[in-house]
C-alpha cells in the first residue's frame, strides 16, 4: 500500500475545500510552464497589428518554453504565477472541494449510487460557481502569460499582480475583470465534468471490481484518464477563451465572433492549437492534484480526529 490509509471517518466539507485548493496550488507550481506554453501556442496566429513583426514563432511545447527562456529570461514561463495560485485557491476549492456535497444534494433520497446525469449536473454546477468567483484571477493570469517582453527596453503594461487588477478595472471597467466569463463557464463546466465525473467513475469501477485498492495506483490511473478526457473535450472552448480574454478592447465583439474569425482565418484546426501542452499540462496537473488531494484529505482528517480526541 502506498500513502496514508483511508480515514474511517468521511472527510468533512471544510477538509475537502481546503485540501482541494492546496493540492491545486501544488499542482500549478509544477505544471505552470506547460500552461504558459499552451497559452502562447493558442494565441499564435492571432492577427494583431501591433507587435506582429516582433512576436517570436513557437514550435512545440519544449520549443516554446526554450524560446521564452532565451528571448525573455528564465522567469518568463512563470509569468502570472501569483494570479494562478490565487485562482486555484478560490477556483479549485469550489469546483473540486464542493463536488461531493453538490453531488449528494442532487442525488435522490434513498439512492445508494449517484447516476452519471447527477454527477454531470454536479460538475457543471461547481464549475460554473467557481468561474463566477475566480474569473478576475483567470483574466490577470492569462494577460501575464500572453504578454511578451523582449529585452529590458520593452514596456511592461502591469508592474505586478495587484497593479494588473487595478489597471484592467480602470481602463476596461469592472466588466474587464469578468471578460470572457461565458466561454470560461462553458469551458470549465466541460472540464469539471470531464475531470470530476471521469475520475469519479474510473475510481469507483476500479474499487467495485477489486482491481485496485483505494491508494496511489488507483488515484494515478483515475487522474490520468480524467486529464485526457478533459483535454479532448475542452480544447476548442479553451482556445476561444484564451484569445478572447487576452484580446484588446474592440478586437472581438463576442466569444462567438472570436470563434468565427478563428475558423475564417486559420481553419478548424485552430481549435486544437496547443493540444499537446494542454494534455501534458492537464494530464500532469490532474495526476499531481488528485494524488495530493486524496492524501491531504486523509492527513487533515487525522489531524482533526487527533485534535478532537480526549487523549
Protein backbone atom coordinates (compact mmCIF):
# COMPACT_ATOMS: atom_id res chain seq x y z
CA UNK A 1 0.00 0.00 0.00
CA UNK A 2 1.24 3.50 -0.87
CA UNK A 3 0.39 6.61 1.15
CA UNK A 4 -1.84 7.17 4.16
CA UNK A 5 -4.64 4.74 4.99
CA UNK A 6 -8.19 5.90 4.21
CA UNK A 7 -9.83 7.53 7.22
CA UNK A 8 -12.68 5.64 8.88
CA UNK A 9 -14.46 8.98 9.21
CA UNK A 10 -15.54 10.58 5.89
CA UNK A 11 -13.75 13.90 5.23
CA UNK A 12 -15.77 16.99 6.07
CA UNK A 13 -16.67 19.66 3.51
CA UNK A 14 -14.14 22.04 5.09
CA UNK A 15 -11.38 19.44 4.74
CA UNK A 16 -12.27 18.86 1.08
CA UNK A 17 -12.43 22.61 0.43
CA UNK A 18 -9.01 23.33 1.97
CA UNK A 19 -7.43 20.16 0.60
CA UNK A 20 -8.58 20.84 -2.97
CA UNK A 21 -7.23 24.40 -3.02
CA UNK A 22 -3.89 23.40 -1.51
CA UNK A 23 -3.44 20.39 -3.81
CA UNK A 24 -4.32 22.52 -6.86
CA UNK A 25 -1.72 25.15 -5.90
CA UNK A 26 0.93 22.44 -5.56
CA UNK A 27 -0.03 21.03 -8.97
CA UNK A 28 0.10 24.53 -10.50
CA UNK A 29 3.62 25.13 -9.17
CA UNK A 30 4.84 22.03 -11.02
CA UNK A 31 2.94 22.49 -14.28
CA UNK A 32 2.72 26.27 -14.74
CA UNK A 33 5.36 26.48 -17.55
CA UNK A 34 3.27 23.99 -19.57
CA UNK A 35 0.21 26.18 -19.08
CA UNK A 36 2.11 29.27 -20.21
CA UNK A 37 3.38 27.38 -23.29
CA UNK A 38 -0.22 26.36 -24.05
CA UNK A 39 -1.39 30.00 -23.89
CA UNK A 40 1.42 31.19 -26.19
CA UNK A 41 0.63 28.47 -28.75
CA UNK A 42 -3.10 29.20 -28.57
CA UNK A 43 -2.70 32.92 -29.36
CA UNK A 44 -0.08 32.30 -32.09
CA UNK A 45 -1.50 33.24 -35.48
CA UNK A 46 -3.84 35.82 -33.99
CA UNK A 47 -3.82 38.91 -36.23
CA UNK A 48 -2.77 41.91 -34.20
CA UNK A 49 -1.29 44.93 -35.93
CA UNK A 50 0.95 45.84 -33.01
CA UNK A 51 3.94 43.66 -32.22
CA UNK A 52 3.10 41.33 -35.13
CA UNK A 53 6.60 41.51 -36.53
CA UNK A 54 8.21 41.27 -33.10
CA UNK A 55 6.40 38.15 -31.95
CA UNK A 56 8.65 35.08 -31.91
CA UNK A 57 7.36 31.91 -33.55
CA UNK A 58 6.83 28.93 -31.28
CA UNK A 59 7.13 25.27 -32.26
CA UNK A 60 6.05 22.56 -29.86
CA UNK A 61 5.94 22.54 -26.07
CA UNK A 62 9.65 22.33 -25.34
CA UNK A 63 10.46 24.71 -28.20
CA UNK A 64 8.02 27.29 -26.82
CA UNK A 65 9.47 27.13 -23.32
CA UNK A 66 13.06 27.30 -24.61
CA UNK A 67 12.22 30.24 -26.89
CA UNK A 68 10.62 32.09 -23.98
CA UNK A 69 13.64 31.47 -21.75
CA UNK A 70 16.04 32.57 -24.49
CA UNK A 71 14.16 35.73 -25.52
CA UNK A 72 12.50 36.79 -22.26
CA UNK A 73 14.55 35.24 -19.47
CA UNK A 74 14.28 32.16 -17.23
CA UNK A 75 11.38 33.54 -15.18
CA UNK A 76 9.10 34.06 -18.20
CA UNK A 77 7.43 30.59 -18.10
CA UNK A 78 6.17 31.55 -14.63
CA UNK A 79 4.60 34.88 -15.69
CA UNK A 80 1.26 35.13 -13.90
CA UNK A 81 2.07 32.52 -11.23
CA UNK A 82 0.76 34.69 -8.37
CA UNK A 83 -2.59 35.17 -10.10
CA UNK A 84 -2.55 31.46 -10.95
CA UNK A 85 -2.18 30.47 -7.30
CA UNK A 86 -4.88 32.97 -6.29
CA UNK A 87 -7.09 31.40 -8.93
CA UNK A 88 -6.54 27.85 -7.70
CA UNK A 89 -7.23 28.68 -4.04
CA UNK A 90 -10.60 30.20 -4.96
CA UNK A 91 -11.38 28.14 -8.06
CA UNK A 92 -10.31 24.57 -7.26
CA UNK A 93 -11.58 24.82 -3.69
CA UNK A 94 -15.10 25.35 -5.04
CA UNK A 95 -15.20 23.15 -8.14
CA UNK A 96 -13.39 20.16 -6.58
CA UNK A 97 -13.91 20.66 -2.85
CA UNK A 98 -17.68 21.11 -3.13
CA UNK A 99 -18.26 18.47 -5.84
CA UNK A 100 -19.18 15.63 -3.46
CA UNK A 101 -21.52 17.86 -1.43
CA UNK A 102 -23.34 19.10 -4.54
CA UNK A 103 -23.49 15.54 -5.92
CA UNK A 104 -25.13 14.36 -2.71
CA UNK A 105 -27.56 17.29 -2.89
CA UNK A 106 -28.68 16.25 -6.40
CA UNK A 107 -28.84 12.52 -5.56
CA UNK A 108 -32.42 11.40 -4.77
CA UNK A 109 -33.01 10.39 -1.14
CA UNK A 110 -32.72 6.68 -0.55
CA UNK A 111 -30.46 6.12 -3.58
CA UNK A 112 -27.19 4.28 -2.89
CA UNK A 113 -25.39 5.49 -6.02
CA UNK A 114 -25.34 8.73 -8.00
CA UNK A 115 -26.24 8.43 -11.67
CA UNK A 116 -24.00 9.79 -14.43
CA UNK A 117 -26.57 12.55 -15.02
CA UNK A 118 -26.37 13.57 -11.36
CA UNK A 119 -22.55 13.65 -11.48
CA UNK A 120 -22.55 15.71 -14.69
CA UNK A 121 -25.01 18.15 -13.15
CA UNK A 122 -22.84 18.44 -10.03
CA UNK A 123 -19.73 19.02 -12.16
CA UNK A 124 -21.46 21.74 -14.20
CA UNK A 125 -22.78 23.44 -11.06
CA UNK A 126 -19.49 23.60 -9.15
CA UNK A 127 -17.59 24.54 -12.32
CA UNK A 128 -19.92 27.48 -13.01
CA UNK A 129 -19.84 28.58 -9.35
CA UNK A 130 -16.05 28.52 -9.33
CA UNK A 131 -15.71 30.62 -12.50
CA UNK A 132 -18.16 33.22 -11.21
CA UNK A 133 -15.97 33.74 -8.14
CA UNK A 134 -12.49 33.36 -9.65
CA UNK A 135 -12.83 34.96 -13.13
CA UNK A 136 -10.75 38.11 -12.37
CA UNK A 137 -7.79 35.97 -11.30
CA UNK A 138 -8.03 33.99 -14.55
CA UNK A 139 -8.10 37.16 -16.68
CA UNK A 140 -4.97 38.52 -14.97
CA UNK A 141 -3.20 35.16 -15.23
CA UNK A 142 -3.84 34.91 -18.98
CA UNK A 143 -2.75 38.54 -19.56
CA UNK A 144 0.58 37.88 -17.84
CA UNK A 145 1.13 34.57 -19.62
CA UNK A 146 0.36 36.09 -23.03
CA UNK A 147 2.48 39.24 -22.58
CA UNK A 148 5.82 39.20 -24.39
CA UNK A 149 8.78 41.20 -23.03
CA UNK A 150 11.67 41.18 -25.48
CA UNK A 151 14.53 42.73 -23.55
CA UNK A 152 14.88 45.48 -20.97
CA UNK A 153 13.55 48.18 -23.32
CA UNK A 154 10.11 46.62 -23.77
CA UNK A 155 7.23 48.19 -21.93
CA UNK A 156 5.50 46.21 -19.22
CA UNK A 157 1.83 47.03 -19.06
CA UNK A 158 1.47 45.80 -15.48
CA UNK A 159 4.05 46.26 -12.72
CA UNK A 160 2.60 43.44 -10.65
CA UNK A 161 -0.46 41.31 -9.98
CA UNK A 162 -2.37 43.87 -7.91
CA UNK A 163 -1.49 46.60 -10.40
CA UNK A 164 -2.97 44.40 -13.14
CA UNK A 165 -6.31 44.16 -11.30
CA UNK A 166 -6.36 47.95 -10.81
CA UNK A 167 -5.28 48.76 -14.38
CA UNK A 168 -7.83 46.44 -16.01
CA UNK A 169 -10.63 47.81 -13.79
CA UNK A 170 -9.58 51.41 -14.56
CA UNK A 171 -9.11 51.02 -18.33
CA UNK A 172 -11.83 48.46 -19.13
CA UNK A 173 -14.19 48.83 -16.17
CA UNK A 174 -15.17 46.11 -13.74
CA UNK A 175 -16.57 44.19 -16.71
CA UNK A 176 -12.99 43.84 -17.94
CA UNK A 177 -12.15 41.67 -14.94
CA UNK A 178 -15.02 39.38 -15.86
CA UNK A 179 -14.17 39.39 -19.58
CA UNK A 180 -14.77 36.01 -21.18
CA UNK A 181 -16.93 34.76 -18.31
CA UNK A 182 -19.37 32.95 -20.61
CA UNK A 183 -16.73 30.96 -22.58
CA UNK A 184 -14.91 30.33 -19.32
CA UNK A 185 -18.06 28.99 -17.64
CA UNK A 186 -18.66 26.81 -20.72
CA UNK A 187 -15.07 25.61 -20.74
CA UNK A 188 -14.89 24.90 -17.02
CA UNK A 189 -18.29 23.23 -16.88
CA UNK A 190 -16.98 20.87 -19.59
CA UNK A 191 -13.56 20.45 -17.91
CA UNK A 192 -15.08 19.93 -14.49
CA UNK A 193 -17.50 17.31 -15.81
CA UNK A 194 -14.73 15.55 -17.73
CA UNK A 195 -12.30 15.65 -14.81
CA UNK A 196 -14.54 15.00 -11.82
CA UNK A 197 -17.03 12.61 -13.44
CA UNK A 198 -14.31 10.60 -15.23
CA UNK A 199 -12.17 10.43 -12.09
CA UNK A 200 -15.21 9.50 -10.00
CA UNK A 201 -16.35 6.72 -12.36
CA UNK A 202 -12.91 5.20 -13.07
CA UNK A 203 -12.04 5.16 -9.38
CA UNK A 204 -15.42 3.68 -8.46
CA UNK A 205 -15.14 0.88 -11.06
CA UNK A 206 -11.56 0.03 -10.09
CA UNK A 207 -12.69 -0.34 -6.48
CA UNK A 208 -16.01 -2.10 -7.23
CA UNK A 209 -14.32 -4.77 -9.37
CA UNK A 210 -11.47 -5.11 -6.83
CA UNK A 211 -8.89 -4.31 -9.50
CA UNK A 212 -7.09 -1.90 -7.16
CA UNK A 213 -7.37 -0.67 -3.59
CA UNK A 214 -8.09 2.94 -2.63
CA UNK A 215 -4.48 4.10 -2.86
CA UNK A 216 -1.87 5.69 -5.13
CA UNK A 217 -2.12 3.38 -8.21
CA UNK A 218 -5.91 3.75 -8.27
CA UNK A 219 -5.71 7.54 -7.88
CA UNK A 220 -2.98 7.80 -10.54
CA UNK A 221 -4.89 5.82 -13.22
CA UNK A 222 -8.16 7.64 -12.47
CA UNK A 223 -6.48 11.05 -12.62
CA UNK A 224 -4.64 10.30 -15.88
CA UNK A 225 -7.90 9.22 -17.54
CA UNK A 226 -9.62 12.36 -16.25
CA UNK A 227 -6.87 14.58 -17.67
CA UNK A 228 -7.06 13.02 -21.14
CA UNK A 229 -10.87 13.26 -21.36
CA UNK A 230 -10.81 16.87 -20.14
CA UNK A 231 -8.24 17.90 -22.78
CA UNK A 232 -10.11 16.31 -25.69
CA UNK A 233 -13.49 17.86 -24.92
CA UNK A 234 -12.33 21.25 -23.63
CA UNK A 235 -9.58 22.31 -26.06
CA UNK A 236 -11.83 24.18 -28.57
CA UNK A 237 -13.52 26.23 -25.86
CA UNK A 238 -10.19 26.77 -24.10
CA UNK A 239 -8.59 28.31 -27.22
CA UNK A 240 -11.54 30.70 -27.74
CA UNK A 241 -11.49 31.61 -24.04
CA UNK A 242 -7.76 32.36 -24.06
CA UNK A 243 -7.89 34.52 -27.19
CA UNK A 244 -10.97 36.43 -26.10
CA UNK A 245 -9.67 37.13 -22.59
CA UNK A 246 -6.29 38.27 -23.94
CA UNK A 247 -7.70 40.48 -26.73
CA UNK A 248 -7.60 44.29 -26.55
CA UNK A 249 -10.97 46.10 -26.42
CA UNK A 250 -12.73 46.04 -29.80
CA UNK A 251 -10.82 43.18 -31.41
CA UNK A 252 -13.72 40.75 -30.96
CA UNK A 253 -17.36 41.66 -30.48
CA UNK A 254 -18.12 38.47 -28.57
CA UNK A 255 -16.77 34.94 -27.95
CA UNK A 256 -18.83 33.80 -30.97
CA UNK A 257 -17.18 36.48 -33.14
CA UNK A 258 -13.78 35.29 -31.89
CA UNK A 259 -14.65 31.71 -32.82
CA UNK A 260 -15.89 32.65 -36.31
CA UNK A 261 -12.78 34.73 -37.05
CA UNK A 262 -10.56 31.85 -35.95
CA UNK A 263 -12.29 29.48 -38.38
CA UNK A 264 -12.20 32.04 -41.22
CA UNK A 265 -8.52 32.96 -40.81
CA UNK A 266 -6.92 29.75 -39.55
CA UNK A 267 -9.35 26.90 -40.18
CA UNK A 268 -10.96 24.46 -37.71
CA UNK A 269 -7.59 23.02 -36.64
CA UNK A 270 -7.02 26.30 -34.76
CA UNK A 271 -9.37 24.96 -32.06
CA UNK A 272 -6.75 22.37 -31.17
CA UNK A 273 -3.76 24.69 -31.13
CA UNK A 274 -1.68 23.92 -28.08
CA UNK A 275 -3.29 20.48 -27.67
CA UNK A 276 -0.04 18.74 -26.71
CA UNK A 277 0.90 21.20 -23.94
CA UNK A 278 -2.75 21.21 -22.89
CA UNK A 279 -2.68 17.43 -22.46
CA UNK A 280 0.75 17.41 -20.86
CA UNK A 281 -0.37 20.12 -18.51
CA UNK A 282 -3.87 18.77 -17.73
CA UNK A 283 -2.67 15.17 -17.50
CA UNK A 284 0.21 16.05 -15.20
CA UNK A 285 -1.91 18.56 -13.27
CA UNK A 286 -4.68 16.02 -12.67
CA UNK A 287 -2.29 13.31 -11.51
CA UNK A 288 -0.46 15.63 -9.11
CA UNK A 289 -3.63 17.33 -7.88
CA UNK A 290 -5.79 14.24 -7.30
CA UNK A 291 -3.00 12.18 -5.70
CA UNK A 292 -2.10 15.11 -3.42
CA UNK A 293 -5.77 15.84 -2.73
CA UNK A 294 -6.51 12.25 -1.65
CA UNK A 295 -3.50 12.25 0.70
CA UNK A 296 -4.29 15.72 2.08
CA UNK A 297 -7.86 14.69 2.87
CA UNK A 298 -6.55 11.74 4.89
CA UNK A 299 -3.86 13.79 6.62
CA UNK A 300 -6.26 16.61 7.52
CA UNK A 301 -8.83 14.15 8.86
CA UNK A 302 -6.14 12.52 11.03
CA UNK A 303 -5.22 15.93 12.42
CA UNK A 304 -8.88 16.73 13.05
CA UNK A 305 -9.50 13.39 14.80
CA UNK A 306 -6.39 13.84 16.96
CA UNK A 307 -7.49 17.34 17.96
CA UNK A 308 -10.96 16.08 18.91
CA UNK A 309 -9.61 13.05 20.78
CA UNK A 310 -9.65 13.48 24.60
CA UNK A 311 -6.38 11.52 24.93
